[in-house]
Amino acid sequence: MRKPELLAPAGTFERLQTAIAFGADAVYAGGEAFSMRTAAKNFSSDDLKRARELTLAKNKKLYITVNIIPHNQDLEALASYLNELSDLSPDGLIVSDLGVFSMAKSIAPNVPLHISTQANNTNAETFAAWHRLGASRVVCARELSFDEIREIREKTPDTLELEAFVHGAMCISYSGRCLLSGYMTGRDSNQGNCAHPCRWNYSLMEEQRPGEYYPVYENERGTFIFNSKDLCMIEYIPQLVACGIDSLKLEGRVKTEYYVATVVKTYREAIDRYFENPETYQTDPKWLQELSKVSNRHYTTGFYTGKPDDTAQNYETSAYVRNYDVVAVVVGYDETTGDLLLEQRNRFFSGDEIEAVVPFAPSFSVLADNLRDEFGNRIDAAPHARQKLRLNIGQALPPMSLFRKKRD
């Protein structure tokens, strides 16, 4: 029984730092081109070098996404980018296109190749074929069940690693291969520029009555017939391990540091507790409560337990559930005064009840009843973005700990 890697998203260098601080074994990031998440800020060449230095120093792994579906005009620049990545020598390149795979093997033979979920990997022969071509890891299509993944593991070599998404947004199309965005907006989702039309509200129009829109009601707000709930497998750690999955992947390169911190911390605790004693392991209800405190569209188990039914869609709204805001991030500690040094993220007030989110430790509530500015002067509120603050809670907290506040 192998302990799976916890793989976290890194849309920015700060999120990469957060993921590592809160317990990720590996992170995946994209450069400024050839990545399926152009909405993320992504990494410049210098950022990628910094990311590689940090992951090496922390003994963590760095995977770079090169998973768009390119066209002819992309190939020259892609070759140059692969040369750059070869010099960087990350722990893996995540690709989905056979041509990109072939180019990467030739240009960056020193870098392991991982096959993205975008390649629609749904059966054992596909996994084995990619391995014979030289892939070291294949990411399961999101449409696979526990039983299917277990069978794939049994029928493929142990030298092939399996990776699977276990948390985050679900795409209504087949493993993310969607044409709806390109058709409706001209934004190609397969080149990382999806407009997310699956989240829109739709009405019905009959072709002989142009301009006459008929609502398709699930409720008085309309219909969101393509709007999938988010994946959450926190209650199924033993089953994921039993399938032989080598890497448990969290979605969210466009999500915030708070999302990354909370989700990584929760799955880290669950995985570690299971491997401490599998025989006595039980899911902690607090884990699902914790994951409900980050933005989500309500949760589903996707295809893991069988084909989703009508409860896998959110028919009421495409908006995220957001019950908490991060109000400050810990950037240091003053040993002389015992003050936490904070940087503001959202407005809060002296006397507010706030909750500390700390790596490898339980969250806890405190009162911000001695809030001060960076010079030690008492203040009633912290309204300014990135404002430097001091707060004494009677203990030190590690840098990158967060304080959150429940919305009114």
Foldseek 3Di string as FASTA:
>chain_A
DDQAFEEEEALALVLLVLLVQQPGQEYEFEDCFQALAVVRPTAYLVSLLVSLVVCVVSVHFYEYENAFDDDPVCPVVLLVVLLSVLVSQGQEYEYADPVSVVSNCVRRVSHAYEYALNNVDQALVSQQVVVVVGHQEYEHWLQDALVRLLVSVVNHDPSRAYEYEAWWADFLDGSQCDCVQCVPPVQHSSRNGRPPPLQDFDFDDDPVGPPDTHFDDPDPVGWSQSAFWIGHCLQPLVSVVSSVHRYHYYDDSRDDSVLSSQLSNLSSVQSVVCVVPVVPDGRDPVSVVSNLQAWTLDYDNDDHHHHDDPVRGDTPHSGTDHFKDWFWFFADADPVVQKTKIFGAAKDFQQAWKWKRARPDDIDIDGQNQKAFPVRHGDGMDHDHRGIIIGHPPHDGDGGIIIMHTDD
